[in-house]
């Protein structure tokens, strides 16, 4: 789902982490991979932050349609204003 960051007006797309939490990604696809970047499975709308150990898997994921992006949380100057901790998301008991 494409959108615009409410703080910096950058073009973003939304994905869900493997834990189901929403993550804004910069729309620009990167032609390299590095730890801390995000791999997106557009068919499922899911993403994961890359670790050093996953870098060797990226080429195979790309062959199956995955793309690599920066998280908007890394590029937006106002990202801290929008972060929600798991404790803030959890429903009251």
C-alpha atoms as a PDB file:
ATOM      1  CA  UNK A   1       0.000   0.000   0.000  1.00  0.00           C
ATOM      2  CA  UNK A   2       1.637   3.257  -1.099  1.00  0.00           C
ATOM      3  CA  UNK A   3       1.291   6.383   1.001  1.00  0.00           C
ATOM      4  CA  UNK A   4       3.173   9.492   2.099  1.00  0.00           C
ATOM      5  CA  UNK A   5       5.033   9.948   5.381  1.00  0.00           C
ATOM      6  CA  UNK A   6       3.059  12.379   7.516  1.00  0.00           C
ATOM      7  CA  UNK A   7       6.231  14.092   8.721  1.00  0.00           C
ATOM      8  CA  UNK A   8       8.695  14.286   5.838  1.00  0.00           C
ATOM      9  CA  UNK A   9       6.310  13.761   2.870  1.00  0.00           C
ATOM     10  CA  UNK A  10       8.487  10.941   1.514  1.00  0.00           C
ATOM     11  CA  UNK A  11       6.773   8.304  -0.611  1.00  0.00           C
ATOM     12  CA  UNK A  12       6.428   5.168   1.522  1.00  0.00           C
ATOM     13  CA  UNK A  13       4.848   1.755   1.320  1.00  0.00           C
ATOM     14  CA  UNK A  14       3.492  -0.131   4.314  1.00  0.00           C
ATOM     15  CA  UNK A  15       4.400  -3.723   5.142  1.00  0.00           C
ATOM     16  CA  UNK A  16       3.928  -5.992   8.149  1.00  0.00           C
ATOM     17  CA  UNK A  17       6.833  -7.499  10.036  1.00  0.00           C
ATOM     18  CA  UNK A  18       6.911 -11.203  10.760  1.00  0.00           C
ATOM     19  CA  UNK A  19       5.352 -10.325  14.126  1.00  0.00           C
ATOM     20  CA  UNK A  20       2.489  -8.514  12.410  1.00  0.00           C
ATOM     21  CA  UNK A  21       3.569  -4.967  13.286  1.00  0.00           C
ATOM     22  CA  UNK A  22       3.262  -2.256  10.610  1.00  0.00           C
ATOM     23  CA  UNK A  23       6.516  -0.861   9.174  1.00  0.00           C
ATOM     24  CA  UNK A  24       6.827   2.090   6.764  1.00  0.00           C
ATOM     25  CA  UNK A  25       9.368   1.535   3.985  1.00  0.00           C
ATOM     26  CA  UNK A  26      10.864   4.049   1.586  1.00  0.00           C
ATOM     27  CA  UNK A  27       9.448   3.276  -1.858  1.00  0.00           C
ATOM     28  CA  UNK A  28      12.856   3.347  -3.567  1.00  0.00           C
ATOM     29  CA  UNK A  29      14.149  -0.174  -4.215  1.00  0.00           C
ATOM     30  CA  UNK A  30      17.834  -0.661  -3.452  1.00  0.00           C
ATOM     31  CA  UNK A  31      20.165  -2.722  -5.630  1.00  0.00           C
ATOM     32  CA  UNK A  32      22.299  -3.800  -2.666  1.00  0.00           C
ATOM     33  CA  UNK A  33      21.686  -5.430   0.688  1.00  0.00           C
ATOM     34  CA  UNK A  34      23.240  -4.709   4.075  1.00  0.00           C
ATOM     35  CA  UNK A  35      22.395  -5.505   7.692  1.00  0.00           C
ATOM     36  CA  UNK A  36      19.645  -3.207   8.930  1.00  0.00           C
ATOM     37  CA  UNK A  37      18.009  -2.796   5.535  1.00  0.00           C
ATOM     38  CA  UNK A  38      14.598  -4.363   4.981  1.00  0.00           C
ATOM     39  CA  UNK A  39      13.615  -7.098   2.538  1.00  0.00           C
ATOM     40  CA  UNK A  40       9.996  -6.924   1.357  1.00  0.00           C
ATOM     41  CA  UNK A  41       7.923  -9.796   0.023  1.00  0.00           C
ATOM     42  CA  UNK A  42       5.423  -7.777  -2.051  1.00  0.00           C
ATOM     43  CA  UNK A  43       3.217 -10.807  -2.728  1.00  0.00           C
ATOM     44  CA  UNK A  44       2.530 -11.209   0.990  1.00  0.00           C
ATOM     45  CA  UNK A  45       3.062  -7.615   2.128  1.00  0.00           C
ATOM     46  CA  UNK A  46       5.521  -8.813   4.765  1.00  0.00           C
ATOM     47  CA  UNK A  47       9.035  -7.663   5.545  1.00  0.00           C
ATOM     48  CA  UNK A  48      12.039  -8.416   7.716  1.00  0.00           C
ATOM     49  CA  UNK A  49      15.067  -6.438   8.804  1.00  0.00           C
ATOM     50  CA  UNK A  50      18.156  -8.101   7.381  1.00  0.00           C
ATOM     51  CA  UNK A  51      20.790  -9.571   9.649  1.00  0.00           C
ATOM     52  CA  UNK A  52      24.383 -10.318   8.636  1.00  0.00           C
ATOM     53  CA  UNK A  53      23.544 -14.025   8.370  1.00  0.00           C
ATOM     54  CA  UNK A  54      20.668 -13.423   5.929  1.00  0.00           C
ATOM     55  CA  UNK A  55      22.681 -11.464   3.345  1.00  0.00           C
ATOM     56  CA  UNK A  56      23.580 -14.633   1.403  1.00  0.00           C
ATOM     57  CA  UNK A  57      19.841 -15.407   1.032  1.00  0.00           C
ATOM     58  CA  UNK A  58      18.870 -12.078  -0.564  1.00  0.00           C
ATOM     59  CA  UNK A  59      19.773 -13.074  -4.153  1.00  0.00           C
ATOM     60  CA  UNK A  60      17.405 -16.055  -3.974  1.00  0.00           C
ATOM     61  CA  UNK A  61      14.654 -13.942  -2.441  1.00  0.00           C
ATOM     62  CA  UNK A  62      15.075 -11.370  -5.221  1.00  0.00           C
ATOM     63  CA  UNK A  63      14.646 -14.127  -7.827  1.00  0.00           C
ATOM     64  CA  UNK A  64      11.256 -14.818  -6.241  1.00  0.00           C
ATOM     65  CA  UNK A  65      10.199 -11.162  -6.343  1.00  0.00           C
ATOM     66  CA  UNK A  66      11.492  -9.748  -3.055  1.00  0.00           C
ATOM     67  CA  UNK A  67      12.840  -6.185  -2.965  1.00  0.00           C
ATOM     68  CA  UNK A  68      15.198  -4.381  -0.570  1.00  0.00           C
ATOM     69  CA  UNK A  69      14.332  -1.015   0.998  1.00  0.00           C
ATOM     70  CA  UNK A  70      15.295   1.374   3.771  1.00  0.00           C
ATOM     71  CA  UNK A  71      12.858   1.733   6.621  1.00  0.00           C
ATOM     72  CA  UNK A  72      11.285   5.189   6.737  1.00  0.00           C
ATOM     73  CA  UNK A  73      12.139   5.088  10.446  1.00  0.00           C
ATOM     74  CA  UNK A  74      15.809   5.282   9.372  1.00  0.00           C
ATOM     75  CA  UNK A  75      15.393   8.148   6.911  1.00  0.00           C
ATOM     76  CA  UNK A  76      12.621  10.342   8.361  1.00  0.00           C
ATOM     77  CA  UNK A  77      13.931  13.163  10.571  1.00  0.00           C
ATOM     78  CA  UNK A  78      10.809  12.905  12.758  1.00  0.00           C
ATOM     79  CA  UNK A  79      10.645   9.108  13.034  1.00  0.00           C
ATOM     80  CA  UNK A  80      10.770   9.037  16.833  1.00  0.00           C
ATOM     81  CA  UNK A  81       7.453  10.913  16.995  1.00  0.00           C
ATOM     82  CA  UNK A  82       5.703   8.018  15.265  1.00  0.00           C
ATOM     83  CA  UNK A  83       7.239   4.961  16.909  1.00  0.00           C
ATOM     84  CA  UNK A  84       4.952   2.903  19.121  1.00  0.00           C
ATOM     85  CA  UNK A  85       6.448   0.436  21.567  1.00  0.00           C
ATOM     86  CA  UNK A  86       4.884  -3.010  21.983  1.00  0.00           C
ATOM     87  CA  UNK A  87       3.781  -1.937  25.469  1.00  0.00           C
ATOM     88  CA  UNK A  88       1.857   1.010  23.974  1.00  0.00           C
ATOM     89  CA  UNK A  89       0.190  -1.305  21.438  1.00  0.00           C
ATOM     90  CA  UNK A  90      -0.835  -3.978  23.936  1.00  0.00           C
ATOM     91  CA  UNK A  91      -4.471  -3.889  25.042  1.00  0.00           C
ATOM     92  CA  UNK A  92      -5.042  -3.290  28.754  1.00  0.00           C
ATOM     93  CA  UNK A  93      -5.573  -6.400  30.890  1.00  0.00           C
END
